[in-house]
Protein backbone atom coordinates (compact mmCIF):
# COMPACT_ATOMS: atom_id res chain seq x y z
CA MET A 1 96.32 105.16 111.89
CA LEU A 2 94.74 107.63 109.28
CA HIS A 3 94.36 105.19 105.76
CA CYS A 4 92.90 101.84 105.08
CA SER A 5 93.90 98.45 102.63
CA LEU A 6 92.27 96.30 100.97
CA LEU A 7 94.21 93.43 103.25
CA ASN A 8 96.74 93.83 105.91
CA ILE A 9 99.70 91.43 106.94
CA SER A 10 98.44 89.33 110.47
CA ASP A 11 100.67 89.60 113.86
CA THR A 12 102.36 86.87 113.21
CA GLY A 13 103.53 87.96 109.45
CA ARG A 14 102.44 84.95 108.00
CA ASN A 15 98.87 85.62 106.97
CA ILE A 16 97.10 88.16 105.19
CA VAL A 17 93.45 89.34 106.62
CA PRO A 18 90.72 91.76 105.47
CA TRP A 19 90.64 95.22 106.35
CA LEU A 20 88.41 97.11 103.81
CA ALA A 21 87.69 93.80 102.00
CA ALA A 22 85.03 92.15 103.22
CA ALA A 23 86.75 88.94 102.83
CA SER A 24 89.74 87.55 101.07
CA PRO A 25 89.38 88.15 97.24
CA GLN A 26 88.25 85.19 94.78
CA VAL A 27 91.09 84.53 91.82
CA GLU A 28 90.80 83.16 88.68
CA ARG A 29 93.06 82.36 86.59
CA LEU A 30 93.29 82.92 82.88
CA GLY A 31 95.42 80.47 80.84
CA ASP A 32 99.11 80.45 81.80
CA SER A 33 99.35 83.95 82.23
CA LEU A 34 96.54 86.40 83.35
CA MET A 35 94.87 86.26 86.21
CA LEU A 36 91.46 87.84 87.71
CA VAL A 37 91.26 89.33 91.52
CA SER A 38 87.99 90.06 92.34
CA TYR A 39 87.38 92.13 95.97
CA SER A 40 83.90 93.20 97.52
CA LEU A 41 84.16 96.28 99.93
CA ARG A 42 82.88 96.23 103.25
CA PRO A 43 79.52 97.73 103.21
CA GLU A 44 80.13 99.45 106.61
CA ALA A 45 82.89 101.22 105.55
CA THR A 46 82.66 104.96 104.74
CA TRP A 47 84.66 108.24 104.35
CA ASP A 48 84.89 110.99 107.00
CA ASN A 49 82.11 112.53 105.40
CA GLY A 50 79.70 109.70 105.40
CA LYS A 51 80.00 108.43 101.77
CA PRO A 52 80.67 104.55 101.08
CA ILE A 53 83.90 104.15 100.10
CA VAL A 54 83.35 102.32 96.78
CA ALA A 55 85.20 100.53 93.92
CA GLN A 56 85.62 103.92 91.97
CA ASP A 57 87.63 104.93 94.93
CA VAL A 58 90.09 102.01 94.40
CA ALA A 59 89.90 102.54 90.66
CA PHE A 60 91.03 106.16 91.01
CA THR A 61 94.04 105.06 93.65
CA LEU A 62 95.49 103.03 91.14
CA LYS A 63 95.33 105.40 88.38
CA MET A 64 97.40 107.87 90.90
CA MET A 65 99.96 105.51 91.70
CA ASN A 66 100.45 105.41 87.82
CA CYS A 67 99.97 108.94 86.88
CA PRO A 68 102.81 110.44 84.97
CA GLY A 69 104.71 113.32 87.12
CA LEU A 70 103.71 111.88 90.31
CA PRO A 71 107.24 110.18 92.70
CA THR A 72 105.44 107.00 92.79
CA GLU A 73 107.92 105.20 91.48
CA MET A 74 107.95 102.90 94.07
CA ASP A 75 104.17 102.49 93.71
CA GLN A 76 104.51 101.41 90.09
CA ALA A 77 107.59 98.71 90.60
CA MET A 78 105.22 97.12 93.32
CA PHE A 79 102.52 96.67 91.63
CA HIS A 80 103.32 96.58 87.70
CA PHE A 81 101.10 93.23 88.08
CA ILE A 82 97.86 95.27 88.00
CA GLN A 83 96.82 95.83 84.26
CA ASP A 84 93.70 96.90 84.80
CA ILE A 85 90.59 97.50 86.87
CA ARG A 86 86.97 96.32 85.91
CA LEU A 87 83.83 97.93 87.67
CA ASP A 88 80.72 95.59 88.49
CA THR A 89 77.79 97.47 86.48
CA THR A 90 75.72 95.82 89.39
CA ASP A 91 77.45 96.39 92.62
CA SER A 92 79.74 99.95 93.43
CA ARG A 93 81.23 97.66 96.21
CA ARG A 94 82.80 95.28 93.77
CA PHE A 95 85.52 95.36 90.79
CA THR A 96 87.97 92.77 89.77
CA LEU A 97 91.47 93.63 89.24
CA VAL A 98 93.39 91.79 86.15
CA CYS A 99 96.69 90.89 86.55
CA THR A 100 99.32 89.50 84.41
CA GLY A 101 100.87 86.82 86.23
CA GLN A 102 99.59 83.97 88.48
CA SER A 103 101.30 84.16 91.69
CA SER A 104 99.99 83.86 95.17
CA ASP A 105 102.38 86.99 96.06
CA TYR A 106 100.41 88.84 93.39
CA VAL A 107 97.14 88.23 94.97
CA ARG A 108 98.12 89.31 98.36
CA ASN A 109 100.38 92.23 97.06
CA SER A 110 97.24 93.31 95.02
CA GLY A 111 95.28 94.62 98.44
CA ASP A 112 98.46 95.99 99.98
CA PHE A 113 97.78 100.07 99.16
CA SER A 114 95.89 102.51 101.05
CA VAL A 115 92.69 103.35 99.11
CA LEU A 116 92.49 106.87 99.02
CA PRO A 117 88.94 109.38 98.52
CA GLU A 118 88.07 110.37 95.20
CA TYR A 119 85.75 113.17 95.88
CA ALA A 120 88.52 114.63 97.91
CA LEU A 121 91.58 114.59 95.32
CA ASP A 122 89.65 114.91 92.31
CA PRO A 123 85.98 115.66 92.48
CA LYS A 124 85.19 116.08 88.85
CA GLY A 125 86.58 112.95 88.15
CA SER A 126 89.21 113.63 85.64
CA LEU A 127 91.00 110.45 85.78
CA ARG A 128 88.10 108.27 85.09
CA SER A 129 88.06 108.67 81.33
CA VAL A 130 91.41 107.31 81.64
CA SER A 131 93.23 103.61 82.03
CA ILE A 132 95.78 101.93 84.00
CA ARG A 133 97.52 101.15 80.56
CA GLU A 134 97.81 104.71 79.22
CA LEU A 135 99.04 106.16 82.15
CA ARG A 136 101.49 103.61 82.39
CA SER A 137 102.70 103.86 78.86
CA GLY A 138 102.94 108.04 78.95
CA ALA A 139 100.25 108.36 76.19
CA ALA A 140 98.00 110.18 79.13
CA THR A 141 100.15 113.02 79.07
CA ALA A 142 98.28 114.65 76.08
CA TYR A 143 95.30 114.67 78.23
CA ALA A 144 94.71 118.34 79.70
CA SER A 145 92.53 116.25 82.43
CA VAL A 146 95.59 114.47 83.43
CA THR A 147 98.38 117.30 83.50
CA SER A 148 95.54 119.51 85.58
CA PHE A 149 95.09 116.62 88.16
CA VAL A 150 99.08 116.43 88.71
CA GLN A 151 99.27 120.10 89.20
CA ARG A 152 96.48 120.31 91.94
CA TYR A 153 97.79 117.21 93.51
CA GLN A 154 101.23 118.39 93.91
CA ALA A 155 99.91 122.17 94.66
CA ALA A 156 98.12 120.04 97.83
CA GLN A 157 101.18 119.46 99.58
CA LEU A 158 100.01 116.43 101.12
CA ALA A 159 103.64 115.37 102.72
CA GLN A 160 103.11 118.37 104.85
CA HIS A 161 99.46 118.90 104.97
CA PRO A 162 98.00 115.57 105.52
CA ASP A 163 95.18 117.31 106.88
CA ASN A 164 94.35 118.35 103.45
CA LEU A 165 93.88 114.24 102.58
CA PRO A 166 91.00 112.83 104.82
CA GLY A 167 91.27 108.95 105.54
CA CYS A 168 89.03 106.37 106.52
CA GLY A 169 90.85 105.26 109.63
CA PRO A 170 90.04 105.39 113.11
CA TYR A 171 92.28 108.07 113.98
CA GLN A 172 93.00 111.58 112.74
CA LEU A 173 96.07 113.49 112.98
CA LYS A 174 95.48 116.17 115.89
CA ASN A 175 98.89 118.38 116.13
CA TRP A 176 102.14 117.73 114.93
CA GLN A 177 105.49 119.10 114.83
CA PRO A 178 107.89 117.70 112.62
CA GLY A 179 110.90 116.25 114.71
CA ARG A 180 109.17 116.77 117.91
CA PHE A 181 106.02 114.41 118.06
CA LEU A 182 102.74 113.39 115.96
CA THR A 183 99.69 112.99 118.26
CA PHE A 184 96.05 111.08 116.76
CA THR A 185 92.66 111.18 118.23
CA ARG A 186 90.16 108.40 117.84
CA LYS A 187 87.43 109.74 115.63
CA LEU A 188 84.00 110.25 117.80
CA LYS A 189 82.12 108.29 115.12
CA TRP A 190 83.75 105.64 112.63
CA TRP A 191 82.70 103.02 110.29
CA GLY A 192 84.49 100.25 112.05
CA ASP A 193 82.64 100.96 115.36
CA ALA A 194 79.04 99.47 113.43
CA LEU A 195 81.04 96.04 113.12
CA THR A 196 79.64 93.08 116.10
CA LYS A 197 82.84 91.16 115.94
CA ALA A 198 85.71 93.18 115.10
CA PRO A 199 88.72 91.44 113.81
CA PRO A 200 91.72 92.56 115.59
CA ILE A 201 93.10 94.73 112.28
CA LEU A 202 90.00 96.83 113.08
CA ARG A 203 90.11 97.19 116.90
CA ALA A 204 90.88 101.15 117.85
CA VAL A 205 90.85 101.85 121.46
CA PRO A 206 93.21 104.13 122.90
CA LYS A 207 91.57 108.01 122.50
CA SER A 208 94.64 109.51 122.33
CA ILE A 209 98.00 108.52 121.00
CA THR A 210 101.17 110.50 120.85
CA TYR A 211 104.39 109.59 119.38
CA GLN A 212 107.26 111.05 120.80
CA ILE A 213 110.76 111.56 118.43
CA ILE A 214 113.51 110.93 120.61
CA PRO A 215 116.36 110.32 118.61
CA ASP A 216 118.79 109.78 121.48
CA ALA A 217 118.08 105.97 123.18
CA GLY A 218 119.80 106.96 126.45
CA THR A 219 117.01 109.84 126.45
CA ALA A 220 114.11 107.77 125.54
CA MET A 221 115.13 105.50 128.04
CA LEU A 222 114.82 108.17 130.93
CA ALA A 223 111.71 109.45 129.52
CA LEU A 224 110.20 105.48 129.95
CA ARG A 225 111.55 105.63 133.44
CA ARG A 226 110.14 108.90 134.19
CA GLY A 227 106.64 108.18 132.48
CA ASP A 228 107.07 110.91 130.49
CA ILE A 229 106.43 107.95 127.62
CA ASP A 230 104.23 104.62 127.86
CA LEU A 231 105.80 102.58 125.23
CA TYR A 232 109.61 102.30 123.52
CA PRO A 233 109.60 99.67 120.70
CA LEU A 234 112.60 98.84 118.59
CA MET A 235 114.50 99.48 121.56
CA PRO A 236 118.46 98.85 121.39
CA ALA A 237 119.88 95.82 123.17
CA ALA A 238 121.99 97.38 125.64
CA GLU A 239 118.96 99.53 126.84
CA PHE A 240 116.72 97.31 127.08
CA ALA A 241 119.31 94.47 128.81
CA ARG A 242 119.82 97.25 131.31
CA LEU A 243 116.08 97.82 131.75
CA ARG A 244 115.31 94.08 132.93
CA ARG A 245 118.33 94.03 135.16
CA SER A 246 116.39 96.50 137.40
CA ASP A 247 114.22 95.60 140.15
CA ALA A 248 112.32 98.70 140.03
CA ASP A 249 111.93 99.04 136.11
CA ARG A 250 110.64 95.49 136.39
CA ALA A 251 108.09 96.12 138.72
CA ARG A 252 106.13 99.03 136.60
CA LEU A 253 107.37 97.83 132.96
CA SER A 254 106.23 94.91 130.65
CA PHE A 255 109.16 93.61 128.16
CA TYR A 256 108.47 91.46 124.77
CA THR A 257 110.90 90.13 122.33
CA VAL A 258 109.83 88.92 118.66
CA ASP A 259 112.12 87.57 116.02
CA SER A 260 111.38 90.26 113.11
CA TYR A 261 111.76 90.40 109.45
CA GLU A 262 114.17 93.14 109.12
CA CYS A 263 117.76 92.07 108.67
CA VAL A 264 121.37 94.26 109.10
CA VAL A 265 123.07 94.09 105.37
CA ALA A 266 126.32 95.03 104.13
CA ASN A 267 125.34 96.71 100.67
CA PHE A 268 127.74 96.51 97.70
CA ASN A 269 127.72 99.14 94.60
CA THR A 270 128.35 97.06 91.76
CA ARG A 271 128.43 99.76 89.65
CA GLN A 272 131.67 101.19 91.45
CA PRO A 273 134.66 99.75 89.40
CA THR A 274 136.63 98.32 92.65
CA LEU A 275 133.25 96.35 93.46
CA GLN A 276 132.68 95.14 90.02
CA ASP A 277 133.40 91.17 90.03
CA ARG A 278 132.09 89.28 92.56
CA PHE A 279 135.28 87.58 94.44
CA THR A 280 135.93 91.27 95.67
CA ARG A 281 132.59 91.67 97.18
CA GLN A 282 132.52 87.70 98.60
CA ALA A 283 136.41 89.08 99.98
CA LEU A 284 135.22 91.91 102.06
CA SER A 285 131.98 90.15 103.34
CA ALA A 286 134.64 87.74 104.79
CA LEU A 287 135.62 90.94 107.14
CA PHE A 288 132.88 91.20 109.01
CA ASP A 289 132.99 89.74 112.21
CA VAL A 290 129.27 88.76 112.56
CA PRO A 291 128.95 86.81 115.77
CA GLY A 292 130.89 89.15 117.65
CA LEU A 293 128.65 91.85 116.34
CA ILE A 294 125.28 90.16 117.43
CA ARG A 295 127.16 89.47 120.95
CA ALA A 296 128.26 93.43 120.86
CA THR A 297 125.36 94.97 119.66
CA GLN A 298 122.30 93.07 119.72
CA GLN A 299 123.61 91.36 123.41
CA GLY A 300 123.07 87.88 121.43
CA ALA A 301 119.40 88.39 120.66
CA ALA A 302 119.91 88.46 116.79
CA TYR A 303 119.78 85.07 114.02
CA ARG A 304 122.47 84.86 111.52
CA SER A 305 120.97 84.38 108.15
CA ALA A 306 122.50 83.38 104.63
CA SER A 307 120.23 84.32 102.57
CA ILE A 308 117.94 87.58 102.86
CA VAL A 309 115.47 85.28 103.32
CA SER A 310 114.61 84.73 106.82
CA PRO A 311 115.94 81.36 108.37
CA ARG A 312 112.67 81.37 110.45
CA VAL A 313 110.37 80.89 107.19
CA HIS A 314 110.96 77.33 105.98
CA PRO A 315 110.92 75.86 103.07
CA TYR A 316 111.77 78.85 101.21
CA TYR A 317 115.11 79.60 103.04
CA ASN A 318 117.80 77.87 101.39
CA ASP A 319 119.22 75.93 104.15
CA SER A 320 121.97 74.10 102.16
CA LEU A 321 124.30 77.24 102.30
CA PRO A 322 126.96 77.76 104.44
CA LEU A 323 127.13 80.75 106.76
CA PRO A 324 130.02 82.78 105.26
CA THR A 325 132.72 83.24 108.16
CA TYR A 326 134.81 85.97 109.39
CA ASP A 327 138.33 84.96 107.97
CA THR A 328 140.89 87.69 107.01
CA GLN A 329 143.25 85.25 105.25
CA GLN A 330 139.95 83.43 103.36
CA ALA A 331 139.68 87.56 102.19
CA ILE A 332 143.39 87.89 101.42
CA THR A 333 142.57 84.52 98.82
CA LEU A 334 139.68 85.96 97.18
CA LEU A 335 140.98 89.03 96.48
CA ARG A 336 144.24 87.56 94.74
CA LYS A 337 141.68 85.81 92.20
CA ALA A 338 139.57 89.01 92.05
CA GLY A 339 143.35 89.91 90.31
CA TRP A 340 144.47 92.19 93.21
CA ARG A 341 148.01 92.43 93.89
CA GLU A 342 149.70 93.55 97.17
CA VAL A 343 152.30 96.53 96.64
CA ASN A 344 155.43 96.57 98.61
CA GLY A 345 152.57 95.70 101.67
CA GLN A 346 150.93 98.89 101.29
CA GLY A 347 148.06 98.47 99.58
CA TRP A 348 146.47 96.32 96.98
CA VAL A 349 146.07 97.22 93.02
CA ARG A 350 144.96 95.89 90.22
CA LYS A 351 144.96 96.23 86.20
CA GLN A 352 141.68 97.50 84.91
CA ALA A 353 140.29 99.00 81.68
CA GLY A 354 143.90 99.63 80.85
CA LYS A 355 144.28 101.59 84.37
CA LEU A 356 145.96 100.98 87.76
CA LEU A 357 143.02 100.74 90.15
CA GLU A 358 144.01 101.13 93.88
CA LEU A 359 141.35 99.29 96.72
CA ARG A 360 140.11 101.44 98.83
CA LEU A 361 136.91 102.05 100.15
CA SER A 362 134.45 104.86 101.70
CA LEU A 363 131.67 102.67 104.19
CA SER A 364 128.59 104.72 104.44
CA TYR A 365 125.79 104.03 107.05
CA ARG A 366 123.03 105.96 109.13
CA ALA A 367 124.76 108.49 111.43
CA GLY A 368 123.72 108.21 115.16
CA ASP A 369 122.73 104.24 115.07
CA PRO A 370 125.46 102.50 117.54
CA ALA A 371 124.82 98.84 115.89
CA LEU A 372 125.64 100.47 112.15
CA GLU A 373 128.60 102.50 113.63
CA ALA A 374 129.75 99.42 115.45
CA ALA A 375 129.91 97.32 112.37
CA ALA A 376 131.64 99.82 110.38
CA LEU A 377 134.29 100.40 112.76
CA GLN A 378 134.77 96.76 112.89
CA PHE A 379 135.15 96.41 109.25
CA ARG A 380 137.64 99.00 108.69
CA ALA A 381 139.42 97.52 111.63
CA ALA A 382 139.75 94.23 109.73
CA ALA A 383 140.32 95.93 106.47
CA THR A 384 143.19 97.93 108.00
CA ALA A 385 144.90 95.15 108.68
CA ILE A 386 145.28 93.61 105.54
CA ARG A 387 146.04 97.01 104.11
CA ILE A 388 143.09 97.90 102.72
CA PRO A 389 141.87 101.90 103.66
CA VAL A 390 138.65 102.53 104.36
CA ASP A 391 136.90 106.15 104.95
CA LEU A 392 133.84 105.89 107.05
CA ARG A 393 130.86 108.18 106.30
CA PRO A 394 128.20 108.45 109.07
CA THR A 395 125.39 110.06 107.06
CA GLU A 396 122.02 111.93 107.94
CA ALA A 397 119.25 109.62 107.41
CA SER A 398 117.52 111.25 104.11
CA LEU A 399 121.26 112.34 102.55
CA LEU A 400 121.95 108.41 102.85
CA VAL A 401 118.82 107.30 100.85
CA GLN A 402 119.56 110.15 98.32
CA GLN A 403 123.21 109.19 97.38
CA LEU A 404 122.15 105.06 97.65
CA ARG A 405 119.22 105.90 94.86
CA GLU A 406 121.88 108.41 92.81
CA GLY A 407 124.63 105.27 93.31
CA THR A 408 127.66 107.49 94.74
CA THR A 409 127.88 104.93 97.75
CA GLU A 410 130.73 102.40 97.74
CA VAL A 411 129.71 100.17 100.59
CA SER A 412 126.91 101.10 102.75
CA LEU A 413 125.28 99.33 106.00
CA ARG A 414 121.70 99.63 106.28
CA SER A 415 118.32 97.39 107.17
CA ILE A 416 115.70 95.94 105.18
CA GLY A 417 112.32 94.84 106.41
CA GLY A 418 110.47 92.52 104.89
CA ASN A 419 107.37 89.88 105.90
CA PRO A 420 107.06 85.99 104.82
CA ALA A 421 103.94 86.79 102.99
CA ALA A 422 105.35 88.65 100.04
CA TYR A 423 108.41 87.28 97.68
CA ASP A 424 108.84 90.03 94.80
CA PHE A 425 112.44 91.48 95.01
CA THR A 426 111.99 93.71 91.74
CA PRO A 427 112.38 96.67 93.43
CA LEU A 428 115.64 95.41 95.46
CA PHE A 429 117.42 93.64 92.82
CA HIS A 430 115.94 93.34 89.32
CA SER A 431 118.16 95.36 86.60
CA ASN A 432 115.24 97.73 85.83
CA SER A 433 115.10 99.02 89.21
CA THR A 434 118.69 100.42 89.63
CA SER A 435 117.54 104.00 89.54
CA LEU A 436 114.93 103.12 92.22
CA TYR A 437 115.67 101.26 95.10
CA ASN A 438 118.02 98.38 93.34
CA TYR A 439 121.44 100.38 95.79
CA SER A 440 123.68 97.65 94.66
CA GLY A 441 123.07 98.07 91.19
CA PHE A 442 123.16 94.36 90.45
CA GLY A 443 121.17 92.61 87.97
CA THR A 444 121.89 89.96 85.03
CA PRO A 445 119.79 88.33 82.54
CA ALA A 446 119.72 85.38 84.94
CA SER A 447 118.72 87.00 88.60
CA ASP A 448 115.78 88.99 86.34
CA HIS A 449 114.51 85.77 84.66
CA LEU A 450 114.46 84.17 88.54
CA ILE A 451 113.11 87.30 89.74
CA GLU A 452 110.18 87.41 87.29
CA ALA A 453 109.93 83.45 87.48
CA ILE A 454 109.29 83.62 91.12
CA VAL A 455 106.52 85.91 91.38
CA GLN A 456 104.82 84.64 88.30
CA THR A 457 104.50 80.61 89.92
CA PRO A 458 101.33 79.58 91.37
CA ASP A 459 102.86 76.54 91.85
CA THR A 460 104.30 76.57 95.47
CA ALA A 461 106.82 73.44 94.92
CA GLN A 462 108.37 75.47 92.30
CA LYS A 463 108.08 78.67 93.67
CA THR A 464 110.19 77.09 96.57
CA ARG A 465 112.80 75.75 94.08
CA LEU A 466 113.23 79.03 92.17
CA LEU A 467 113.95 80.75 95.58
CA ARG A 468 116.13 78.55 96.51
CA ARG A 469 118.19 78.99 92.82
CA PHE A 470 117.92 82.59 93.55
CA GLN A 471 119.20 82.78 96.90
CA ARG A 472 122.05 80.88 95.94
CA LEU A 473 122.75 83.44 92.96
CA LEU A 474 122.76 86.26 95.63
CA TYR A 475 125.03 83.95 97.85
CA THR A 476 127.29 83.69 94.96
CA GLU A 477 127.35 86.78 93.41
CA ARG A 478 127.18 88.74 96.88
CA PRO A 479 125.19 92.18 95.79
CA ILE A 480 124.80 91.88 99.36
CA TYR A 481 126.02 90.74 102.53
CA VAL A 482 123.32 89.58 105.06
CA LEU A 483 125.10 90.51 108.83
CA TYR A 484 121.93 89.33 110.89
CA PHE A 485 118.11 89.43 111.50
CA LEU A 486 116.95 91.35 114.13
CA GLN A 487 115.01 90.51 117.37
CA TYR A 488 112.75 93.90 117.93
CA ARG A 489 112.15 94.77 121.77
CA ILE A 490 109.69 96.74 123.64
CA ALA A 491 109.76 97.93 127.19
CA ALA A 492 106.12 99.84 128.07
CA ALA A 493 104.22 100.55 131.22
CA ARG A 494 102.38 98.00 132.84
CA ARG A 495 99.26 100.22 132.88
CA LEU A 496 98.94 99.83 128.79
CA GLY A 497 97.89 96.24 129.84
CA ARG A 498 99.14 93.64 127.14
CA VAL A 499 100.97 95.34 124.16
CA PRO A 500 99.99 93.15 121.24
CA VAL A 501 103.01 92.81 119.12
CA THR A 502 104.28 91.61 115.94
CA SER A 503 107.14 90.49 113.67
CA ILE A 504 106.55 93.43 111.28
CA LYS A 505 107.56 96.70 112.05
CA PRO A 506 107.06 98.33 114.28
CA SER A 507 106.56 95.64 116.17
CA TYR A 508 103.09 96.39 117.64
CA ARG A 509 99.61 97.60 117.53
CA ALA A 510 99.00 100.56 119.30
CA ASN A 511 95.33 100.71 118.03
CA ALA A 512 94.59 97.40 119.72
CA ILE A 513 96.10 98.26 123.28
CA ASP A 514 93.22 97.16 125.26
CA PHE A 515 94.65 98.16 128.81
CA SER A 516 93.80 94.73 130.22
CA PRO A 517 95.75 93.67 133.48
CA VAL A 518 99.17 92.26 132.87
CA THR A 519 99.84 89.64 135.80
CA LYS A 520 103.48 89.52 136.54
């Protein structure tokens, strides 16, 4: 809505398309470890003040993402491979990224960040004299210009005042009440309008778009039926099925479904004493009745997977892995293999580090999510049947993220979004990310080596082999257990015309709704 990146993902999720970039980047591989990725920016692209978007804005953005003192750990983990940027002295819109590694994933990821305006955030160009390497190494903390920039950035409070950060997208934020709604209005003059044949990513049809925040699914469905809202995305299965059974609702609503690349997983915090061995984690995985959960919470409209890689992605998905089964007897066998023993039919204990450890668990999940709550209740019932006490901990979303990052949870249920165009598992599973987004705390020399090799190899066949090996390693070690991949569901008023749906969250492109008639 507000900002643009160099590249964007297509509606199918399988291809990358130019956005701010005039075309797909040119790639030159040097030796066996370096890669040059060269871009040209669209000549039509301008900021809201009419100034052209230039390579210097890209350089500023990359430096800001590596600035010590700013909360950009995720950016640094995702774009660690970009070592430097070279500006073209003859063309202000051309630049080259110097990357370590030669993977095609790096080419795609190299354009996957919002480009920000230097004139608005750093009008004096205080970061121009500092390199990305200096910022990343911490050497730049000695620069007074860097310190003053960080202070100015923090003082702007952009999370609470996005109006302080002008963008180059087709919309501007007109009104916002946190927790209630956001309203975006179409800019009267936007650079994308100058394109004679705008690609779908650069379409911006609606004059105004309001997002209503309605946490309760039932309330949201009633609002859709009353016409208070026009579109309900990521709809729970039960409400979606209820609407489709109604003749009146079918007459005024259109319904869409699309397989996603988002999966629901059980996360095992391997830093917790009870969860440090793989046999215990495998045993607990066998206590989830996944087919039953898919029927009960998704109306059967979800698909199973033995891996965090979607089965829809061939040939990367390791189809030689059998789907784990719901089997309490197998769970008991695996617990005994892990060294647990039953005590008078009352529970499980084992000797660990010279102490007697009791097997009792807490299960955390986002409060108010019916599907996660159903999975939590089913797991607790199965665990209780084999004498494992489980304490359920429904938790507010932001607090749960904090607990996951701090490593204070034991077992947790959450969703992981993905797409078939990138396979860098560094943030999720690398041992260097355990203080960031590796919520399982998992990481071994073997797994780290595989993660690094996957993103560095330019050879597709080799990448396929490495990915399949990595999936088998995760399957054996079980830091997470994939329950199922979601199917996205959307119900929309017919007056909107055909809604452009996508397999990537939020599952549709609001800016491309064109109000063309929909036939029944």
